[in-house]
mmCIF file of all heavy atoms, coordinates in Angstrom:
data_MODEL
# 
_entry.id   MODEL 
# 
loop_
_atom_site.group_PDB 
_atom_site.id 
_atom_site.type_symbol 
_atom_site.label_atom_id 
_atom_site.label_alt_id 
_atom_site.label_comp_id 
_atom_site.label_asym_id 
_atom_site.label_entity_id 
_atom_site.label_seq_id 
_atom_site.pdbx_PDB_ins_code 
_atom_site.Cartn_x 
_atom_site.Cartn_y 
_atom_site.Cartn_z 
_atom_site.occupancy 
_atom_site.B_iso_or_equiv 
_atom_site.pdbx_formal_charge 
_atom_site.auth_seq_id 
_atom_site.auth_comp_id 
_atom_site.auth_asym_id 
_atom_site.auth_atom_id 
_atom_site.pdbx_PDB_model_num 
ATOM 1   N N   . ILE A 1 1  ? 0.836   -1.225  -0.045  1.00 0.00 ? 1  ILE A N   1 
ATOM 2   C CA  . ILE A 1 1  ? 0.015   -0.012  0.016   1.00 0.00 ? 1  ILE A CA  1 
ATOM 3   C C   . ILE A 1 1  ? 0.837   1.304   -0.006  1.00 0.00 ? 1  ILE A C   1 
ATOM 4   O O   . ILE A 1 1  ? 0.615   2.170   -0.771  1.00 0.00 ? 1  ILE A O   1 
ATOM 5   C CB  . ILE A 1 1  ? -1.032  -0.019  1.226   1.00 0.00 ? 1  ILE A CB  1 
ATOM 6   C CG1 . ILE A 1 1  ? -1.959  -1.100  1.081   1.00 0.00 ? 1  ILE A CG1 1 
ATOM 7   C CG2 . ILE A 1 1  ? -1.631  1.333   1.353   1.00 0.00 ? 1  ILE A CG2 1 
ATOM 8   C CD1 . ILE A 1 1  ? -2.905  -1.318  2.243   1.00 0.00 ? 1  ILE A CD1 1 
ATOM 9   N N   . ARG A 1 2  ? 1.884   1.261   0.817   1.00 0.00 ? 2  ARG A N   1 
ATOM 10  C CA  . ARG A 1 2  ? 2.773   2.442   0.911   1.00 0.00 ? 2  ARG A CA  1 
ATOM 11  C C   . ARG A 1 2  ? 3.511   2.649   -0.432  1.00 0.00 ? 2  ARG A C   1 
ATOM 12  O O   . ARG A 1 2  ? 3.643   3.740   -0.909  1.00 0.00 ? 2  ARG A O   1 
ATOM 13  C CB  . ARG A 1 2  ? 3.862   2.255   2.045   1.00 0.00 ? 2  ARG A CB  1 
ATOM 14  C CG  . ARG A 1 2  ? 3.317   2.495   3.415   1.00 0.00 ? 2  ARG A CG  1 
ATOM 15  C CD  . ARG A 1 2  ? 4.367   2.519   4.429   1.00 0.00 ? 2  ARG A CD  1 
ATOM 16  N NE  . ARG A 1 2  ? 5.208   1.394   4.548   1.00 0.00 ? 2  ARG A NE  1 
ATOM 17  C CZ  . ARG A 1 2  ? 4.869   0.335   5.333   1.00 0.00 ? 2  ARG A CZ  1 
ATOM 18  N NH1 . ARG A 1 2  ? 3.779   0.344   6.032   1.00 0.00 ? 2  ARG A NH1 1 
ATOM 19  N NH2 . ARG A 1 2  ? 5.656   -0.744  5.372   1.00 0.00 ? 2  ARG A NH2 1 
ATOM 20  N N   . ALA A 1 3  ? 3.913   1.555   -1.062  1.00 0.00 ? 3  ALA A N   1 
ATOM 21  C CA  . ALA A 1 3  ? 4.607   1.642   -2.414  1.00 0.00 ? 3  ALA A CA  1 
ATOM 22  C C   . ALA A 1 3  ? 3.721   2.199   -3.432  1.00 0.00 ? 3  ALA A C   1 
ATOM 23  O O   . ALA A 1 3  ? 4.119   3.073   -4.226  1.00 0.00 ? 3  ALA A O   1 
ATOM 24  C CB  . ALA A 1 3  ? 5.089   0.249   -2.850  1.00 0.00 ? 3  ALA A CB  1 
ATOM 25  N N   . ALA A 1 4  ? 2.435   1.778   -3.477  1.00 0.00 ? 4  ALA A N   1 
ATOM 26  C CA  . ALA A 1 4  ? 1.535   2.296   -4.403  1.00 0.00 ? 4  ALA A CA  1 
ATOM 27  C C   . ALA A 1 4  ? 1.148   3.774   -4.206  1.00 0.00 ? 4  ALA A C   1 
ATOM 28  O O   . ALA A 1 4  ? 1.176   4.589   -4.991  1.00 0.00 ? 4  ALA A O   1 
ATOM 29  C CB  . ALA A 1 4  ? 0.198   1.458   -4.443  1.00 0.00 ? 4  ALA A CB  1 
ATOM 30  N N   . GLN A 1 5  ? 0.928   4.071   -2.901  1.00 0.00 ? 5  GLN A N   1 
ATOM 31  C CA  . GLN A 1 5  ? 0.576   5.404   -2.521  1.00 0.00 ? 5  GLN A CA  1 
ATOM 32  C C   . GLN A 1 5  ? 1.677   6.391   -2.805  1.00 0.00 ? 5  GLN A C   1 
ATOM 33  O O   . GLN A 1 5  ? 1.495   7.523   -3.316  1.00 0.00 ? 5  GLN A O   1 
ATOM 34  C CB  . GLN A 1 5  ? 0.195   5.481   -1.037  1.00 0.00 ? 5  GLN A CB  1 
ATOM 35  C CG  . GLN A 1 5  ? -0.583  6.655   -0.539  1.00 0.00 ? 5  GLN A CG  1 
ATOM 36  C CD  . GLN A 1 5  ? 0.319   7.823   -0.162  1.00 0.00 ? 5  GLN A CD  1 
ATOM 37  O OE1 . GLN A 1 5  ? 1.534   7.608   0.278   1.00 0.00 ? 5  GLN A OE1 1 
ATOM 38  N NE2 . GLN A 1 5  ? -0.137  8.966   -0.296  1.00 0.00 ? 5  GLN A NE2 1 
ATOM 39  N N   . THR A 1 6  ? 2.934   5.982   -2.517  1.00 0.00 ? 6  THR A N   1 
ATOM 40  C CA  . THR A 1 6  ? 4.100   6.840   -2.751  1.00 0.00 ? 6  THR A CA  1 
ATOM 41  C C   . THR A 1 6  ? 4.209   7.131   -4.214  1.00 0.00 ? 6  THR A C   1 
ATOM 42  O O   . THR A 1 6  ? 4.642   8.248   -4.596  1.00 0.00 ? 6  THR A O   1 
ATOM 43  C CB  . THR A 1 6  ? 5.369   6.106   -2.273  1.00 0.00 ? 6  THR A CB  1 
ATOM 44  O OG1 . THR A 1 6  ? 5.200   5.870   -0.874  1.00 0.00 ? 6  THR A OG1 1 
ATOM 45  C CG2 . THR A 1 6  ? 6.612   6.970   -2.541  1.00 0.00 ? 6  THR A CG2 1 
ATOM 46  N N   . ARG A 1 7  ? 3.845   6.207   -5.109  1.00 0.00 ? 7  ARG A N   1 
ATOM 47  C CA  . ARG A 1 7  ? 3.928   6.431   -6.567  1.00 0.00 ? 7  ARG A CA  1 
ATOM 48  C C   . ARG A 1 7  ? 2.728   7.118   -7.090  1.00 0.00 ? 7  ARG A C   1 
ATOM 49  O O   . ARG A 1 7  ? 2.544   7.286   -8.347  1.00 0.00 ? 7  ARG A O   1 
ATOM 50  C CB  . ARG A 1 7  ? 4.132   5.056   -7.196  1.00 0.00 ? 7  ARG A CB  1 
ATOM 51  C CG  . ARG A 1 7  ? 5.535   4.442   -6.930  1.00 0.00 ? 7  ARG A CG  1 
ATOM 52  C CD  . ARG A 1 7  ? 5.567   2.985   -7.370  1.00 0.00 ? 7  ARG A CD  1 
ATOM 53  N NE  . ARG A 1 7  ? 6.816   2.367   -7.243  1.00 0.00 ? 7  ARG A NE  1 
ATOM 54  C CZ  . ARG A 1 7  ? 7.336   1.823   -6.196  1.00 0.00 ? 7  ARG A CZ  1 
ATOM 55  N NH1 . ARG A 1 7  ? 6.686   1.862   -5.022  1.00 0.00 ? 7  ARG A NH1 1 
ATOM 56  N NH2 . ARG A 1 7  ? 8.527   1.171   -6.215  1.00 0.00 ? 7  ARG A NH2 1 
ATOM 57  N N   . GLY A 1 8  ? 1.771   7.452   -6.270  1.00 0.00 ? 8  GLY A N   1 
ATOM 58  C CA  . GLY A 1 8  ? 0.579   8.239   -6.683  1.00 0.00 ? 8  GLY A CA  1 
ATOM 59  C C   . GLY A 1 8  ? -0.544  7.434   -7.211  1.00 0.00 ? 8  GLY A C   1 
ATOM 60  O O   . GLY A 1 8  ? -1.481  7.984   -7.784  1.00 0.00 ? 8  GLY A O   1 
ATOM 61  N N   . TYR A 1 9  ? -0.563  6.117   -6.849  1.00 0.00 ? 9  TYR A N   1 
ATOM 62  C CA  . TYR A 1 9  ? -1.716  5.301   -7.255  1.00 0.00 ? 9  TYR A CA  1 
ATOM 63  C C   . TYR A 1 9  ? -2.782  5.221   -6.112  1.00 0.00 ? 9  TYR A C   1 
ATOM 64  O O   . TYR A 1 9  ? -2.443  5.029   -4.929  1.00 0.00 ? 9  TYR A O   1 
ATOM 65  C CB  . TYR A 1 9  ? -1.254  3.817   -7.543  1.00 0.00 ? 9  TYR A CB  1 
ATOM 66  C CG  . TYR A 1 9  ? -0.343  3.702   -8.685  1.00 0.00 ? 9  TYR A CG  1 
ATOM 67  C CD1 . TYR A 1 9  ? 0.989   3.491   -8.557  1.00 0.00 ? 9  TYR A CD1 1 
ATOM 68  C CD2 . TYR A 1 9  ? -0.875  3.731   -9.935  1.00 0.00 ? 9  TYR A CD2 1 
ATOM 69  C CE1 . TYR A 1 9  ? 1.865   3.326   -9.613  1.00 0.00 ? 9  TYR A CE1 1 
ATOM 70  C CE2 . TYR A 1 9  ? -0.015  3.613   -11.077 1.00 0.00 ? 9  TYR A CE2 1 
ATOM 71  C CZ  . TYR A 1 9  ? 1.267   3.433   -10.907 1.00 0.00 ? 9  TYR A CZ  1 
ATOM 72  O OH  . TYR A 1 9  ? 2.109   3.260   -12.039 1.00 0.00 ? 9  TYR A OH  1 
ATOM 73  N N   . PRO A 1 10 ? -4.030  5.357   -6.493  1.00 0.00 ? 10 PRO A N   1 
ATOM 74  C CA  . PRO A 1 10 ? -5.083  5.225   -5.440  1.00 0.00 ? 10 PRO A CA  1 
ATOM 75  C C   . PRO A 1 10 ? -5.187  3.732   -5.097  1.00 0.00 ? 10 PRO A C   1 
ATOM 76  O O   . PRO A 1 10 ? -5.036  2.853   -5.916  1.00 0.00 ? 10 PRO A O   1 
ATOM 77  C CB  . PRO A 1 10 ? -6.368  5.673   -6.174  1.00 0.00 ? 10 PRO A CB  1 
ATOM 78  C CG  . PRO A 1 10 ? -6.054  5.476   -7.621  1.00 0.00 ? 10 PRO A CG  1 
ATOM 79  C CD  . PRO A 1 10 ? -4.562  5.661   -7.809  1.00 0.00 ? 10 PRO A CD  1 
ATOM 80  N N   . VAL A 1 11 ? -5.454  3.496   -3.752  1.00 0.00 ? 11 VAL A N   1 
ATOM 81  C CA  . VAL A 1 11 ? -5.479  2.131   -3.279  1.00 0.00 ? 11 VAL A CA  1 
ATOM 82  C C   . VAL A 1 11 ? -6.795  1.758   -2.639  1.00 0.00 ? 11 VAL A C   1 
ATOM 83  O O   . VAL A 1 11 ? -7.292  2.551   -1.805  1.00 0.00 ? 11 VAL A O   1 
ATOM 84  C CB  . VAL A 1 11 ? -4.357  1.882   -2.256  1.00 0.00 ? 11 VAL A CB  1 
ATOM 85  C CG1 . VAL A 1 11 ? -4.400  0.443   -1.712  1.00 0.00 ? 11 VAL A CG1 1 
ATOM 86  C CG2 . VAL A 1 11 ? -2.995  2.155   -2.762  1.00 0.00 ? 11 VAL A CG2 1 
ATOM 87  N N   . LEU A 1 12 ? -7.399  0.684   -3.102  1.00 0.00 ? 12 LEU A N   1 
ATOM 88  C CA  . LEU A 1 12 ? -8.624  0.069   -2.594  1.00 0.00 ? 12 LEU A CA  1 
ATOM 89  C C   . LEU A 1 12 ? -8.154  -1.176  -1.884  1.00 0.00 ? 12 LEU A C   1 
ATOM 90  O O   . LEU A 1 12 ? -7.601  -2.040  -2.487  1.00 0.00 ? 12 LEU A O   1 
ATOM 91  C CB  . LEU A 1 12 ? -9.637  -0.193  -3.725  1.00 0.00 ? 12 LEU A CB  1 
ATOM 92  C CG  . LEU A 1 12 ? -10.802 -1.140  -3.268  1.00 0.00 ? 12 LEU A CG  1 
ATOM 93  C CD1 . LEU A 1 12 ? -11.666 -0.381  -2.148  1.00 0.00 ? 12 LEU A CD1 1 
ATOM 94  C CD2 . LEU A 1 12 ? -11.684 -1.475  -4.447  1.00 0.00 ? 12 LEU A CD2 1 
ATOM 95  N N   . ALA A 1 13 ? -8.332  -1.189  -0.543  1.00 0.00 ? 13 ALA A N   1 
ATOM 96  C CA  . ALA A 1 13 ? -7.943  -2.374  0.259   1.00 0.00 ? 13 ALA A CA  1 
ATOM 97  C C   . ALA A 1 13 ? -9.227  -3.104  0.725   1.00 0.00 ? 13 ALA A C   1 
ATOM 98  O O   . ALA A 1 13 ? -10.227 -2.408  0.959   1.00 0.00 ? 13 ALA A O   1 
ATOM 99  C CB  . ALA A 1 13 ? -7.127  -1.915  1.457   1.00 0.00 ? 13 ALA A CB  1 
ATOM 100 N N   . PHE A 1 14 ? -9.159  -4.352  0.916   1.00 0.00 ? 14 PHE A N   1 
ATOM 101 C CA  . PHE A 1 14 ? -10.250 -5.109  1.354   1.00 0.00 ? 14 PHE A CA  1 
ATOM 102 C C   . PHE A 1 14 ? -9.749  -6.200  2.298   1.00 0.00 ? 14 PHE A C   1 
ATOM 103 O O   . PHE A 1 14 ? -8.660  -6.652  2.236   1.00 0.00 ? 14 PHE A O   1 
ATOM 104 C CB  . PHE A 1 14 ? -11.103 -5.724  0.269   1.00 0.00 ? 14 PHE A CB  1 
ATOM 105 C CG  . PHE A 1 14 ? -10.435 -6.815  -0.489  1.00 0.00 ? 14 PHE A CG  1 
ATOM 106 C CD1 . PHE A 1 14 ? -10.695 -8.142  -0.210  1.00 0.00 ? 14 PHE A CD1 1 
ATOM 107 C CD2 . PHE A 1 14 ? -9.573  -6.509  -1.586  1.00 0.00 ? 14 PHE A CD2 1 
ATOM 108 C CE1 . PHE A 1 14 ? -10.025 -9.184  -0.949  1.00 0.00 ? 14 PHE A CE1 1 
ATOM 109 C CE2 . PHE A 1 14 ? -8.958  -7.516  -2.273  1.00 0.00 ? 14 PHE A CE2 1 
ATOM 110 C CZ  . PHE A 1 14 ? -9.180  -8.839  -1.958  1.00 0.00 ? 14 PHE A CZ  1 
ATOM 111 N N   . GLY A 1 15 ? -10.615 -6.570  3.234   1.00 0.00 ? 15 GLY A N   1 
ATOM 112 C CA  . GLY A 1 15 ? -10.205 -7.654  4.194   1.00 0.00 ? 15 GLY A CA  1 
ATOM 113 C C   . GLY A 1 15 ? -11.380 -8.021  5.152   1.00 0.00 ? 15 GLY A C   1 
ATOM 114 O O   . GLY A 1 15 ? -12.512 -7.490  4.925   1.00 0.00 ? 15 GLY A O   1 
ATOM 115 N N   . SER A 1 16 ? -11.066 -8.750  6.174   1.00 0.00 ? 16 SER A N   1 
ATOM 116 C CA  . SER A 1 16 ? -12.126 -9.148  7.102   1.00 0.00 ? 16 SER A CA  1 
ATOM 117 C C   . SER A 1 16 ? -12.745 -7.992  7.786   1.00 0.00 ? 16 SER A C   1 
ATOM 118 O O   . SER A 1 16 ? -12.072 -7.071  8.308   1.00 0.00 ? 16 SER A O   1 
ATOM 119 C CB  . SER A 1 16 ? -11.566 -10.084 8.152   1.00 0.00 ? 16 SER A CB  1 
ATOM 120 O OG  . SER A 1 16 ? -12.432 -10.400 9.190   1.00 0.00 ? 16 SER A OG  1 
ATOM 121 N N   . HIS A 1 17 ? -14.069 -7.982  7.962   1.00 0.00 ? 17 HIS A N   1 
ATOM 122 C CA  . HIS A 1 17 ? -14.738 -6.912  8.650   1.00 0.00 ? 17 HIS A CA  1 
ATOM 123 C C   . HIS A 1 17 ? -14.504 -6.967  10.146  1.00 0.00 ? 17 HIS A C   1 
ATOM 124 O O   . HIS A 1 17 ? -14.676 -5.981  10.840  1.00 0.00 ? 17 HIS A O   1 
ATOM 125 C CB  . HIS A 1 17 ? -16.291 -6.948  8.377   1.00 0.00 ? 17 HIS A CB  1 
ATOM 126 C CG  . HIS A 1 17 ? -17.011 -8.079  9.085   1.00 0.00 ? 17 HIS A CG  1 
ATOM 127 N ND1 . HIS A 1 17 ? -16.939 -9.399  8.602   1.00 0.00 ? 17 HIS A ND1 1 
ATOM 128 C CD2 . HIS A 1 17 ? -17.672 -8.150  10.162  1.00 0.00 ? 17 HIS A CD2 1 
ATOM 129 C CE1 . HIS A 1 17 ? -17.566 -10.172 9.401   1.00 0.00 ? 17 HIS A CE1 1 
ATOM 130 N NE2 . HIS A 1 17 ? -18.035 -9.531  10.349  1.00 0.00 ? 17 HIS A NE2 1 
ATOM 131 N N   . MET A 1 18 ? -13.985 -8.133  10.610  1.00 0.00 ? 18 MET A N   1 
ATOM 132 C CA  . MET A 1 18 ? -13.647 -8.257  12.040  1.00 0.00 ? 18 MET A CA  1 
ATOM 133 C C   . MET A 1 18 ? -12.258 -7.727  12.342  1.00 0.00 ? 18 MET A C   1 
ATOM 134 O O   . MET A 1 18 ? -11.979 -7.463  13.527  1.00 0.00 ? 18 MET A O   1 
ATOM 135 C CB  . MET A 1 18 ? -13.710 -9.749  12.332  1.00 0.00 ? 18 MET A CB  1 
ATOM 136 C CG  . MET A 1 18 ? -15.015 -10.468 12.123  1.00 0.00 ? 18 MET A CG  1 
ATOM 137 S SD  . MET A 1 18 ? -16.274 -9.906  13.289  1.00 0.00 ? 18 MET A SD  1 
ATOM 138 C CE  . MET A 1 18 ? -15.706 -10.633 14.759  1.00 0.00 ? 18 MET A CE  1 
ATOM 139 N N   . ASP A 1 19 ? -11.424 -7.572  11.347  1.00 0.00 ? 19 ASP A N   1 
ATOM 140 C CA  . ASP A 1 19 ? -10.071 -7.177  11.637  1.00 0.00 ? 19 ASP A CA  1 
ATOM 141 C C   . ASP A 1 19 ? -9.887  -5.673  11.564  1.00 0.00 ? 19 ASP A C   1 
ATOM 142 O O   . ASP A 1 19 ? -9.400  -5.126  10.567  1.00 0.00 ? 19 ASP A O   1 
ATOM 143 C CB  . ASP A 1 19 ? -9.055  -7.883  10.632  1.00 0.00 ? 19 ASP A CB  1 
ATOM 144 C CG  . ASP A 1 19 ? -7.628  -7.760  11.012  1.00 0.00 ? 19 ASP A CG  1 
ATOM 145 O OD1 . ASP A 1 19 ? -7.322  -6.949  11.963  1.00 0.00 ? 19 ASP A OD1 1 
ATOM 146 O OD2 . ASP A 1 19 ? -6.832  -8.509  10.435  1.00 0.00 ? 19 ASP A OD2 1 
ATOM 147 N N   . LEU A 1 20 ? -10.291 -5.001  12.635  1.00 0.00 ? 20 LEU A N   1 
ATOM 148 C CA  . LEU A 1 20 ? -10.229 -3.556  12.659  1.00 0.00 ? 20 LEU A CA  1 
ATOM 149 C C   . LEU A 1 20 ? -8.830  -3.057  12.678  1.00 0.00 ? 20 LEU A C   1 
ATOM 150 O O   . LEU A 1 20 ? -8.546  -1.986  12.197  1.00 0.00 ? 20 LEU A O   1 
ATOM 151 C CB  . LEU A 1 20 ? -11.046 -3.030  13.846  1.00 0.00 ? 20 LEU A CB  1 
ATOM 152 C CG  . LEU A 1 20 ? -12.550 -3.338  13.858  1.00 0.00 ? 20 LEU A CG  1 
ATOM 153 C CD1 . LEU A 1 20 ? -13.197 -2.809  15.102  1.00 0.00 ? 20 LEU A CD1 1 
ATOM 154 C CD2 . LEU A 1 20 ? -13.203 -2.876  12.612  1.00 0.00 ? 20 LEU A CD2 1 
ATOM 155 N N   . GLU A 1 21 ? -7.967  -3.803  13.260  1.00 0.00 ? 21 GLU A N   1 
ATOM 156 C CA  . GLU A 1 21 ? -6.519  -3.391  13.307  1.00 0.00 ? 21 GLU A CA  1 
ATOM 157 C C   . GLU A 1 21 ? -5.955  -3.346  11.783  1.00 0.00 ? 21 GLU A C   1 
ATOM 158 O O   . GLU A 1 21 ? -5.249  -2.420  11.488  1.00 0.00 ? 21 GLU A O   1 
ATOM 159 C CB  . GLU A 1 21 ? -5.694  -4.392  14.089  1.00 0.00 ? 21 GLU A CB  1 
ATOM 160 C CG  . GLU A 1 21 ? -4.237  -4.021  14.153  1.00 0.00 ? 21 GLU A CG  1 
ATOM 161 C CD  . GLU A 1 21 ? -3.467  -4.969  15.048  1.00 0.00 ? 21 GLU A CD  1 
ATOM 162 O OE1 . GLU A 1 21 ? -3.991  -5.883  15.678  1.00 0.00 ? 21 GLU A OE1 1 
ATOM 163 O OE2 . GLU A 1 21 ? -2.227  -4.837  14.945  1.00 0.00 ? 21 GLU A OE2 1 
ATOM 164 N N   . ALA A 1 22 ? -6.240  -4.319  11.003  1.00 0.00 ? 22 ALA A N   1 
ATOM 165 C CA  . ALA A 1 22 ? -5.781  -4.321  9.645   1.00 0.00 ? 22 ALA A CA  1 
ATOM 166 C C   . ALA A 1 22 ? -6.411  -3.148  8.812   1.00 0.00 ? 22 ALA A C   1 
ATOM 167 O O   . ALA A 1 22 ? -5.731  -2.463  8.041   1.00 0.00 ? 22 ALA A O   1 
ATOM 168 C CB  . ALA A 1 22 ? -6.201  -5.637  8.917   1.00 0.00 ? 22 ALA A CB  1 
ATOM 169 N N   . ARG A 1 23 ? -7.680  -2.847  9.126   1.00 0.00 ? 23 ARG A N   1 
ATOM 170 C CA  . ARG A 1 23 ? -8.314  -1.652  8.445   1.00 0.00 ? 23 ARG A CA  1 
ATOM 171 C C   . ARG A 1 23 ? -7.597  -0.396  8.798   1.00 0.00 ? 23 ARG A C   1 
ATOM 172 O O   . ARG A 1 23 ? -7.276  0.402   7.961   1.00 0.00 ? 23 ARG A O   1 
ATOM 173 C CB  . ARG A 1 23 ? -9.731  -1.586  8.896   1.00 0.00 ? 23 ARG A CB  1 
ATOM 174 C CG  . ARG A 1 23 ? -10.498 -0.320  8.423   1.00 0.00 ? 23 ARG A CG  1 
ATOM 175 C CD  . ARG A 1 23 ? -11.934 -0.311  8.934   1.00 0.00 ? 23 ARG A CD  1 
ATOM 176 N NE  . ARG A 1 23 ? -12.586 0.991   8.752   1.00 0.00 ? 23 ARG A NE  1 
ATOM 177 C CZ  . ARG A 1 23 ? -12.773 1.601   7.699   1.00 0.00 ? 23 ARG A CZ  1 
ATOM 178 N NH1 . ARG A 1 23 ? -12.370 1.107   6.579   1.00 0.00 ? 23 ARG A NH1 1 
ATOM 179 N NH2 . ARG A 1 23 ? -13.440 2.761   7.632   1.00 0.00 ? 23 ARG A NH2 1 
ATOM 180 N N   . GLU A 1 24 ? -7.261  -0.183  10.124  1.00 0.00 ? 24 GLU A N   1 
ATOM 181 C CA  . GLU A 1 24 ? -6.515  1.036   10.547  1.00 0.00 ? 24 GLU A CA  1 
ATOM 182 C C   . GLU A 1 24 ? -5.105  1.055   9.916   1.00 0.00 ? 24 GLU A C   1 
ATOM 183 O O   . GLU A 1 24 ? -4.639  2.090   9.517   1.00 0.00 ? 24 GLU A O   1 
ATOM 184 C CB  . GLU A 1 24 ? -6.453  1.095   12.073  1.00 0.00 ? 24 GLU A CB  1 
ATOM 185 C CG  . GLU A 1 24 ? -7.781  1.326   12.699  1.00 0.00 ? 24 GLU A CG  1 
ATOM 186 C CD  . GLU A 1 24 ? -8.480  2.555   12.186  1.00 0.00 ? 24 GLU A CD  1 
ATOM 187 O OE1 . GLU A 1 24 ? -7.895  3.633   12.027  1.00 0.00 ? 24 GLU A OE1 1 
ATOM 188 O OE2 . GLU A 1 24 ? -9.729  2.464   11.867  1.00 0.00 ? 24 GLU A OE2 1 
ATOM 189 N N   . LYS A 1 25 ? -4.431  -0.086  9.893   1.00 0.00 ? 25 LYS A N   1 
ATOM 190 C CA  . LYS A 1 25 ? -3.154  -0.130  9.291   1.00 0.00 ? 25 LYS A CA  1 
ATOM 191 C C   . LYS A 1 25 ? -3.142  0.205   7.782   1.00 0.00 ? 25 LYS A C   1 
ATOM 192 O O   . LYS A 1 25 ? -2.317  0.904   7.353   1.00 0.00 ? 25 LYS A O   1 
ATOM 193 C CB  . LYS A 1 25 ? -2.476  -1.531  9.495   1.00 0.00 ? 25 LYS A CB  1 
ATOM 194 C CG  . LYS A 1 25 ? -1.964  -1.713  10.902  1.00 0.00 ? 25 LYS A CG  1 
ATOM 195 C CD  . LYS A 1 25 ? -1.433  -3.132  11.026  1.00 0.00 ? 25 LYS A CD  1 
ATOM 196 C CE  . LYS A 1 25 ? -0.857  -3.438  12.436  1.00 0.00 ? 25 LYS A CE  1 
ATOM 197 N NZ  . LYS A 1 25 ? -0.270  -4.793  12.499  1.00 0.00 ? 25 LYS A NZ  1 
ATOM 198 N N   . ALA A 1 26 ? -4.109  -0.287  7.104   1.00 0.00 ? 26 ALA A N   1 
ATOM 199 C CA  . ALA A 1 26 ? -4.311  -0.053  5.660   1.00 0.00 ? 26 ALA A CA  1 
ATOM 200 C C   . ALA A 1 26 ? -4.518  1.487   5.453   1.00 0.00 ? 26 ALA A C   1 
ATOM 201 O O   . ALA A 1 26 ? -3.901  2.041   4.546   1.00 0.00 ? 26 ALA A O   1 
ATOM 202 C CB  . ALA A 1 26 ? -5.476  -0.854  5.041   1.00 0.00 ? 26 ALA A CB  1 
ATOM 203 N N   . LEU A 1 27 ? -5.377  2.100   6.218   1.00 0.00 ? 27 LEU A N   1 
ATOM 204 C CA  . LEU A 1 27 ? -5.616  3.525   6.159   1.00 0.00 ? 27 LEU A CA  1 
ATOM 205 C C   . LEU A 1 27 ? -4.348  4.322   6.394   1.00 0.00 ? 27 LEU A C   1 
ATOM 206 O O   . LEU A 1 27 ? -3.972  5.276   5.747   1.00 0.00 ? 27 LEU A O   1 
ATOM 207 C CB  . LEU A 1 27 ? -6.794  3.987   7.023   1.00 0.00 ? 27 LEU A CB  1 
ATOM 208 C CG  . LEU A 1 27 ? -8.163  3.482   6.554   1.00 0.00 ? 27 LEU A CG  1 
ATOM 209 C CD1 . LEU A 1 27 ? -9.190  3.757   7.627   1.00 0.00 ? 27 LEU A CD1 1 
ATOM 210 C CD2 . LEU A 1 27 ? -8.566  4.106   5.183   1.00 0.00 ? 27 LEU A CD2 1 
ATOM 211 N N   . ALA A 1 28 ? -3.659  3.940   7.447   1.00 0.00 ? 28 ALA A N   1 
ATOM 212 C CA  . ALA A 1 28 ? -2.390  4.601   7.857   1.00 0.00 ? 28 ALA A CA  1 
ATOM 213 C C   . ALA A 1 28 ? -1.367  4.424   6.782   1.00 0.00 ? 28 ALA A C   1 
ATOM 214 O O   . ALA A 1 28 ? -0.510  5.371   6.562   1.00 0.00 ? 28 ALA A O   1 
ATOM 215 C CB  . ALA A 1 28 ? -1.886  4.026   9.167   1.00 0.00 ? 28 ALA A CB  1 
# 
């Protein structure tokens, strides 16, 4: 995600609705 964001690509992430930590990490 960081590599894509650094290069200017928009990122759509998906994962378990139960894994709120992964959601926060993806946004960060």
